């Protein structure tokens, strides 16, 4: 059985719990326009799973023209833009809320390891009353190294009091799958952002298209 030997699940957030990757991109592009960073759209193809600090440090270095642009200031602008967007609409991945409740009943621990910052994470957990289901949370402003570095997943497993090998990770992005695999977790890919072949090639043990499929594989009722 898929969950034999596994005691916890560590969820990514954007693309795994929330269907908000497009909203993050809109907010990041708005910040770039505001601060005069003329970055092409193609740059965003490699940003999924990375922290806002990591993204804007890179963009300022490459497109800032040598100007001294404050990373915390542009991150704050992006966060405020994003929160304005999700105040209007904050969609979740179909079936995820029911799956989280099942996971809470079937496993010893649940954690979140997201590249989003604490304010964004709290907005999601407040909206959908998720705080009570999660034993540990690691956000992008708590790590030095963004995904694909394994730091977020290693911190999450430590907060849970579990060995990484005892944790299943659910990820949708290339950087996220790499991070989970590097941490020593077993990674389940969900095809909300990347195709099945990509997630499999990067090391996901199992790839699903939806949460009802994963529920059947775990034999949860």
C-alpha atoms as a PDB file:
ATOM      1  CA  UNK A   1       0.000   0.000   0.000  1.00  0.00           C
ATOM      2  CA  UNK A   2       1.227   3.499  -0.816  1.00  0.00           C
ATOM      3  CA  UNK A   3       1.107   4.718   2.784  1.00  0.00           C
ATOM      4  CA  UNK A   4       2.860   1.701   4.343  1.00  0.00           C
ATOM      5  CA  UNK A   5       5.689   3.021   6.514  1.00  0.00           C
ATOM      6  CA  UNK A   6       4.680   6.657   6.102  1.00  0.00           C
ATOM      7  CA  UNK A   7       3.558   8.637   9.119  1.00  0.00           C
ATOM      8  CA  UNK A   8       3.087  12.173   7.769  1.00  0.00           C
ATOM      9  CA  UNK A   9       2.338  14.233   4.694  1.00  0.00           C
ATOM     10  CA  UNK A  10       4.043  17.518   3.877  1.00  0.00           C
ATOM     11  CA  UNK A  11       2.035  19.647   1.457  1.00  0.00           C
ATOM     12  CA  UNK A  12       3.266  22.380  -0.813  1.00  0.00           C
ATOM     13  CA  UNK A  13       0.641  25.155  -1.031  1.00  0.00           C
ATOM     14  CA  UNK A  14       0.405  26.944  -4.390  1.00  0.00           C
ATOM     15  CA  UNK A  15      -0.720  24.434  -6.997  1.00  0.00           C
ATOM     16  CA  UNK A  16      -1.253  21.754  -4.334  1.00  0.00           C
ATOM     17  CA  UNK A  17      -3.771  23.359  -1.965  1.00  0.00           C
ATOM     18  CA  UNK A  18      -4.563  26.622  -3.744  1.00  0.00           C
ATOM     19  CA  UNK A  19      -5.007  27.175  -7.462  1.00  0.00           C
ATOM     20  CA  UNK A  20      -3.130  30.468  -7.255  1.00  0.00           C
ATOM     21  CA  UNK A  21       0.018  30.221  -9.370  1.00  0.00           C
ATOM     22  CA  UNK A  22      -1.511  32.621 -11.915  1.00  0.00           C
ATOM     23  CA  UNK A  23      -2.339  35.124  -9.146  1.00  0.00           C
ATOM     24  CA  UNK A  24       1.241  35.016  -7.850  1.00  0.00           C
ATOM     25  CA  UNK A  25       2.487  35.677 -11.362  1.00  0.00           C
ATOM     26  CA  UNK A  26       0.128  38.638 -11.811  1.00  0.00           C
ATOM     27  CA  UNK A  27       1.339  40.125  -8.524  1.00  0.00           C
ATOM     28  CA  UNK A  28       5.002  39.556  -9.406  1.00  0.00           C
ATOM     29  CA  UNK A  29       4.546  41.149 -12.827  1.00  0.00           C
ATOM     30  CA  UNK A  30       2.770  44.126 -11.211  1.00  0.00           C
ATOM     31  CA  UNK A  31       5.730  44.577  -8.861  1.00  0.00           C
ATOM     32  CA  UNK A  32       8.146  44.442 -11.782  1.00  0.00           C
ATOM     33  CA  UNK A  33       6.186  47.108 -13.653  1.00  0.00           C
ATOM     34  CA  UNK A  34       6.031  49.314 -10.567  1.00  0.00           C
ATOM     35  CA  UNK A  35       9.797  49.113 -10.003  1.00  0.00           C
ATOM     36  CA  UNK A  36      10.767  49.287 -13.670  1.00  0.00           C
ATOM     37  CA  UNK A  37      12.084  45.722 -14.045  1.00  0.00           C
ATOM     38  CA  UNK A  38      11.555  44.865 -17.700  1.00  0.00           C
ATOM     39  CA  UNK A  39      11.671  41.087 -17.285  1.00  0.00           C
ATOM     40  CA  UNK A  40      10.251  38.947 -20.114  1.00  0.00           C
ATOM     41  CA  UNK A  41       7.380  36.562 -19.389  1.00  0.00           C
ATOM     42  CA  UNK A  42       9.634  33.577 -20.120  1.00  0.00           C
ATOM     43  CA  UNK A  43      11.459  34.176 -16.840  1.00  0.00           C
ATOM     44  CA  UNK A  44       8.442  32.969 -14.835  1.00  0.00           C
ATOM     45  CA  UNK A  45       8.750  29.444 -16.228  1.00  0.00           C
ATOM     46  CA  UNK A  46      11.430  28.644 -13.625  1.00  0.00           C
ATOM     47  CA  UNK A  47       9.992  30.466 -10.604  1.00  0.00           C
ATOM     48  CA  UNK A  48       7.443  27.976  -9.259  1.00  0.00           C
ATOM     49  CA  UNK A  49       8.283  26.861  -5.747  1.00  0.00           C
ATOM     50  CA  UNK A  50      10.822  29.644  -5.196  1.00  0.00           C
ATOM     51  CA  UNK A  51      10.437  32.365  -2.579  1.00  0.00           C
ATOM     52  CA  UNK A  52       9.552  35.944  -3.503  1.00  0.00           C
ATOM     53  CA  UNK A  53      12.882  37.048  -2.019  1.00  0.00           C
ATOM     54  CA  UNK A  54      14.732  34.620  -4.273  1.00  0.00           C
ATOM     55  CA  UNK A  55      12.747  35.631  -7.355  1.00  0.00           C
ATOM     56  CA  UNK A  56      13.167  39.388  -6.907  1.00  0.00           C
ATOM     57  CA  UNK A  57      16.836  39.172  -5.914  1.00  0.00           C
ATOM     58  CA  UNK A  58      17.408  37.436  -9.245  1.00  0.00           C
ATOM     59  CA  UNK A  59      15.247  39.867 -11.249  1.00  0.00           C
ATOM     60  CA  UNK A  60      16.824  42.967  -9.684  1.00  0.00           C
ATOM     61  CA  UNK A  61      20.294  41.623 -10.403  1.00  0.00           C
ATOM     62  CA  UNK A  62      19.470  40.841 -14.018  1.00  0.00           C
ATOM     63  CA  UNK A  63      17.040  43.625 -14.987  1.00  0.00           C
ATOM     64  CA  UNK A  64      17.610  46.365 -12.413  1.00  0.00           C
ATOM     65  CA  UNK A  65      20.275  48.157 -14.442  1.00  0.00           C
ATOM     66  CA  UNK A  66      22.487  48.481 -11.400  1.00  0.00           C
ATOM     67  CA  UNK A  67      19.850  50.400  -9.430  1.00  0.00           C
ATOM     68  CA  UNK A  68      19.618  49.878  -5.670  1.00  0.00           C
ATOM     69  CA  UNK A  69      16.146  48.381  -5.332  1.00  0.00           C
ATOM     70  CA  UNK A  70      15.182  47.089  -1.892  1.00  0.00           C
ATOM     71  CA  UNK A  71      14.257  43.401  -1.996  1.00  0.00           C
ATOM     72  CA  UNK A  72      12.055  43.607   1.150  1.00  0.00           C
ATOM     73  CA  UNK A  73      10.256  46.636  -0.330  1.00  0.00           C
ATOM     74  CA  UNK A  74       9.444  44.960  -3.643  1.00  0.00           C
ATOM     75  CA  UNK A  75       8.451  41.736  -1.861  1.00  0.00           C
ATOM     76  CA  UNK A  76       6.071  43.737   0.326  1.00  0.00           C
ATOM     77  CA  UNK A  77       4.566  45.368  -2.793  1.00  0.00           C
ATOM     78  CA  UNK A  78       4.098  41.945  -4.381  1.00  0.00           C
ATOM     79  CA  UNK A  79       2.520  40.522  -1.216  1.00  0.00           C
ATOM     80  CA  UNK A  80       0.035  43.409  -0.971  1.00  0.00           C
ATOM     81  CA  UNK A  81      -0.832  43.029  -4.655  1.00  0.00           C
ATOM     82  CA  UNK A  82      -1.369  39.291  -4.209  1.00  0.00           C
ATOM     83  CA  UNK A  83      -3.545  39.721  -1.113  1.00  0.00           C
ATOM     84  CA  UNK A  84      -5.682  42.243  -3.024  1.00  0.00           C
ATOM     85  CA  UNK A  85      -6.193  39.632  -5.743  1.00  0.00           C
ATOM     86  CA  UNK A  86      -7.056  36.757  -3.396  1.00  0.00           C
ATOM     87  CA  UNK A  87      -9.484  38.973  -1.472  1.00  0.00           C
ATOM     88  CA  UNK A  88     -11.574  38.813  -4.653  1.00  0.00           C
ATOM     89  CA  UNK A  89     -11.041  35.099  -5.331  1.00  0.00           C
ATOM     90  CA  UNK A  90      -8.988  32.368  -3.643  1.00  0.00           C
ATOM     91  CA  UNK A  91      -9.646  29.093  -5.461  1.00  0.00           C
ATOM     92  CA  UNK A  92      -8.475  25.741  -4.118  1.00  0.00           C
ATOM     93  CA  UNK A  93      -7.537  22.588  -5.993  1.00  0.00           C
ATOM     94  CA  UNK A  94     -10.652  20.384  -6.339  1.00  0.00           C
ATOM     95  CA  UNK A  95     -10.896  17.770  -3.599  1.00  0.00           C
ATOM     96  CA  UNK A  96      -8.003  19.063  -1.502  1.00  0.00           C
ATOM     97  CA  UNK A  97     -10.027  20.160   1.530  1.00  0.00           C
ATOM     98  CA  UNK A  98     -11.653  16.745   1.836  1.00  0.00           C
ATOM     99  CA  UNK A  99      -8.251  15.091   1.343  1.00  0.00           C
ATOM    100  CA  UNK A 100      -6.685  17.163   4.145  1.00  0.00           C
ATOM    101  CA  UNK A 101      -9.428  16.007   6.529  1.00  0.00           C
ATOM    102  CA  UNK A 102      -8.825  12.370   5.547  1.00  0.00           C
ATOM    103  CA  UNK A 103      -5.076  12.791   5.965  1.00  0.00           C
ATOM    104  CA  UNK A 104      -5.616  14.228   9.459  1.00  0.00           C
ATOM    105  CA  UNK A 105      -7.544  11.074  10.443  1.00  0.00           C
ATOM    106  CA  UNK A 106      -5.154   8.589   8.844  1.00  0.00           C
ATOM    107  CA  UNK A 107      -1.670   9.930   9.646  1.00  0.00           C
ATOM    108  CA  UNK A 108       0.316  11.096  12.661  1.00  0.00           C
ATOM    109  CA  UNK A 109       1.212  14.506  11.277  1.00  0.00           C
ATOM    110  CA  UNK A 110       0.539  17.085   8.570  1.00  0.00           C
ATOM    111  CA  UNK A 111       2.868  19.905   7.602  1.00  0.00           C
ATOM    112  CA  UNK A 112       3.114  22.656   5.021  1.00  0.00           C
ATOM    113  CA  UNK A 113       6.326  23.660   3.254  1.00  0.00           C
ATOM    114  CA  UNK A 114       5.675  26.595   0.948  1.00  0.00           C
ATOM    115  CA  UNK A 115       7.755  29.191  -0.838  1.00  0.00           C
ATOM    116  CA  UNK A 116       5.061  31.771  -0.071  1.00  0.00           C
ATOM    117  CA  UNK A 117       5.615  34.055   2.903  1.00  0.00           C
ATOM    118  CA  UNK A 118       3.796  33.903   6.238  1.00  0.00           C
ATOM    119  CA  UNK A 119       1.226  36.589   5.366  1.00  0.00           C
ATOM    120  CA  UNK A 120       0.173  34.715   2.224  1.00  0.00           C
ATOM    121  CA  UNK A 121       0.079  31.363   4.051  1.00  0.00           C
ATOM    122  CA  UNK A 122      -2.074  32.799   6.826  1.00  0.00           C
ATOM    123  CA  UNK A 123      -4.521  34.293   4.330  1.00  0.00           C
ATOM    124  CA  UNK A 124      -5.104  30.813   2.884  1.00  0.00           C
ATOM    125  CA  UNK A 125      -5.350  29.052   6.258  1.00  0.00           C
ATOM    126  CA  UNK A 126      -7.690  31.719   7.637  1.00  0.00           C
ATOM    127  CA  UNK A 127      -9.985  31.591   4.612  1.00  0.00           C
ATOM    128  CA  UNK A 128     -10.376  27.797   4.692  1.00  0.00           C
ATOM    129  CA  UNK A 129      -9.941  27.160   8.441  1.00  0.00           C
ATOM    130  CA  UNK A 130      -6.844  25.008   7.912  1.00  0.00           C
ATOM    131  CA  UNK A 131      -4.836  25.918  11.016  1.00  0.00           C
ATOM    132  CA  UNK A 132      -6.408  23.115  13.054  1.00  0.00           C
ATOM    133  CA  UNK A 133      -5.336  20.408  10.617  1.00  0.00           C
ATOM    134  CA  UNK A 134      -1.610  21.208  10.421  1.00  0.00           C
ATOM    135  CA  UNK A 135       1.002  20.377  13.044  1.00  0.00           C
ATOM    136  CA  UNK A 136       3.819  22.355  11.415  1.00  0.00           C
ATOM    137  CA  UNK A 137       4.249  25.137   8.859  1.00  0.00           C
ATOM    138  CA  UNK A 138       7.403  26.297   7.070  1.00  0.00           C
ATOM    139  CA  UNK A 139       7.090  29.418   4.904  1.00  0.00           C
ATOM    140  CA  UNK A 140       9.457  31.065   2.463  1.00  0.00           C
ATOM    141  CA  UNK A 141      10.551  33.706   4.945  1.00  0.00           C
ATOM    142  CA  UNK A 142      11.821  30.987   7.323  1.00  0.00           C
ATOM    143  CA  UNK A 143      14.365  29.430   4.958  1.00  0.00           C
ATOM    144  CA  UNK A 144      17.701  30.614   3.645  1.00  0.00           C
ATOM    145  CA  UNK A 145      17.556  28.513   0.493  1.00  0.00           C
ATOM    146  CA  UNK A 146      14.495  28.300  -1.766  1.00  0.00           C
ATOM    147  CA  UNK A 147      13.303  25.152  -3.517  1.00  0.00           C
ATOM    148  CA  UNK A 148      14.817  23.174  -5.256  1.00  0.00           C
ATOM    149  CA  UNK A 149      17.018  23.212  -2.158  1.00  0.00           C
ATOM    150  CA  UNK A 150      15.582  20.686   0.360  1.00  0.00           C
ATOM    151  CA  UNK A 151      15.748  23.068   3.351  1.00  0.00           C
ATOM    152  CA  UNK A 152      11.973  23.660   3.587  1.00  0.00           C
ATOM    153  CA  UNK A 153      11.174  19.945   3.617  1.00  0.00           C
ATOM    154  CA  UNK A 154      13.945  19.127   6.053  1.00  0.00           C
ATOM    155  CA  UNK A 155      12.659  21.835   8.423  1.00  0.00           C
ATOM    156  CA  UNK A 156       9.084  20.604   8.074  1.00  0.00           C
ATOM    157  CA  UNK A 157      10.013  16.995   8.888  1.00  0.00           C
ATOM    158  CA  UNK A 158      12.066  18.213  11.863  1.00  0.00           C
ATOM    159  CA  UNK A 159       9.103  20.233  13.177  1.00  0.00           C
ATOM    160  CA  UNK A 160       6.935  17.127  12.828  1.00  0.00           C
ATOM    161  CA  UNK A 161       9.499  15.051  14.710  1.00  0.00           C
ATOM    162  CA  UNK A 162       9.733  12.635  11.783  1.00  0.00           C
ATOM    163  CA  UNK A 163      12.548  11.283   9.681  1.00  0.00           C
ATOM    164  CA  UNK A 164      12.197  12.608   6.099  1.00  0.00           C
ATOM    165  CA  UNK A 165      11.908   8.991   4.924  1.00  0.00           C
ATOM    166  CA  UNK A 166       8.691   8.731   6.962  1.00  0.00           C
ATOM    167  CA  UNK A 167       7.114  11.658   5.100  1.00  0.00           C
ATOM    168  CA  UNK A 168       5.150  11.793   1.875  1.00  0.00           C
ATOM    169  CA  UNK A 169       5.465  15.093   0.001  1.00  0.00           C
ATOM    170  CA  UNK A 170       2.794  16.382  -2.387  1.00  0.00           C
ATOM    171  CA  UNK A 171       4.199  18.702  -5.041  1.00  0.00           C
ATOM    172  CA  UNK A 172       3.114  20.194  -8.356  1.00  0.00           C
ATOM    173  CA  UNK A 173       6.288  21.924  -9.569  1.00  0.00           C
ATOM    174  CA  UNK A 174       9.668  20.931 -10.918  1.00  0.00           C
ATOM    175  CA  UNK A 175      11.543  22.783  -8.176  1.00  0.00           C
ATOM    176  CA  UNK A 176       9.288  21.311  -5.514  1.00  0.00           C
ATOM    177  CA  UNK A 177       9.750  17.720  -6.651  1.00  0.00           C
ATOM    178  CA  UNK A 178      13.514  18.202  -6.706  1.00  0.00           C
ATOM    179  CA  UNK A 179      13.381  19.636  -3.172  1.00  0.00           C
ATOM    180  CA  UNK A 180      11.318  16.768  -1.781  1.00  0.00           C
ATOM    181  CA  UNK A 181      13.486  14.109  -3.392  1.00  0.00           C
ATOM    182  CA  UNK A 182      16.681  15.802  -2.177  1.00  0.00           C
ATOM    183  CA  UNK A 183      15.260  15.902   1.353  1.00  0.00           C
ATOM    184  CA  UNK A 184      14.847  12.123   1.304  1.00  0.00           C
ATOM    185  CA  UNK A 185      11.044  12.140   1.230  1.00  0.00           C
ATOM    186  CA  UNK A 186       8.847  10.121  -1.109  1.00  0.00           C
ATOM    187  CA  UNK A 187       7.255  12.593  -3.509  1.00  0.00           C
ATOM    188  CA  UNK A 188       3.764  12.387  -4.979  1.00  0.00           C
ATOM    189  CA  UNK A 189       3.349  14.641  -7.990  1.00  0.00           C
ATOM    190  CA  UNK A 190       0.026  16.240  -8.896  1.00  0.00           C
ATOM    191  CA  UNK A 191      -0.409  17.490 -12.448  1.00  0.00           C
ATOM    192  CA  UNK A 192      -1.896  20.916 -11.714  1.00  0.00           C
ATOM    193  CA  UNK A 193       1.138  22.782 -13.073  1.00  0.00           C
ATOM    194  CA  UNK A 194       3.491  20.362 -14.841  1.00  0.00           C
ATOM    195  CA  UNK A 195       2.842  17.297 -17.021  1.00  0.00           C
ATOM    196  CA  UNK A 196       3.081  13.774 -15.653  1.00  0.00           C
ATOM    197  CA  UNK A 197       6.231  12.973 -17.637  1.00  0.00           C
ATOM    198  CA  UNK A 198       8.133  15.943 -16.177  1.00  0.00           C
ATOM    199  CA  UNK A 199       7.200  15.148 -12.571  1.00  0.00           C
ATOM    200  CA  UNK A 200       8.109  11.481 -13.049  1.00  0.00           C
ATOM    201  CA  UNK A 201      11.430  12.308 -14.676  1.00  0.00           C
ATOM    202  CA  UNK A 202      12.367  14.574 -11.772  1.00  0.00           C
ATOM    203  CA  UNK A 203      11.794  11.818  -9.225  1.00  0.00           C
ATOM    204  CA  UNK A 204       8.132  11.727  -8.198  1.00  0.00           C
ATOM    205  CA  UNK A 205       7.371   8.141  -7.160  1.00  0.00           C
ATOM    206  CA  UNK A 206       3.711   8.427  -8.105  1.00  0.00           C
ATOM    207  CA  UNK A 207       1.915  11.069 -10.165  1.00  0.00           C
ATOM    208  CA  UNK A 208      -1.826  11.720  -9.956  1.00  0.00           C
ATOM    209  CA  UNK A 209      -4.185  14.049 -11.762  1.00  0.00           C
ATOM    210  CA  UNK A 210      -6.574  14.606  -8.862  1.00  0.00           C
ATOM    211  CA  UNK A 211      -7.061  14.016  -5.138  1.00  0.00           C
ATOM    212  CA  UNK A 212      -9.732  11.344  -5.538  1.00  0.00           C
ATOM    213  CA  UNK A 213      -7.151   9.288  -7.436  1.00  0.00           C
ATOM    214  CA  UNK A 214      -4.655   9.720  -4.599  1.00  0.00           C
ATOM    215  CA  UNK A 215      -7.306   8.800  -2.006  1.00  0.00           C
ATOM    216  CA  UNK A 216      -7.931   5.512  -3.824  1.00  0.00           C
ATOM    217  CA  UNK A 217      -4.199   4.754  -3.986  1.00  0.00           C
ATOM    218  CA  UNK A 218      -3.915   5.346  -0.236  1.00  0.00           C
ATOM    219  CA  UNK A 219      -7.029   3.217   0.372  1.00  0.00           C
ATOM    220  CA  UNK A 220      -8.516   5.868   2.656  1.00  0.00           C
ATOM    221  CA  UNK A 221     -12.237   6.011   3.368  1.00  0.00           C
END
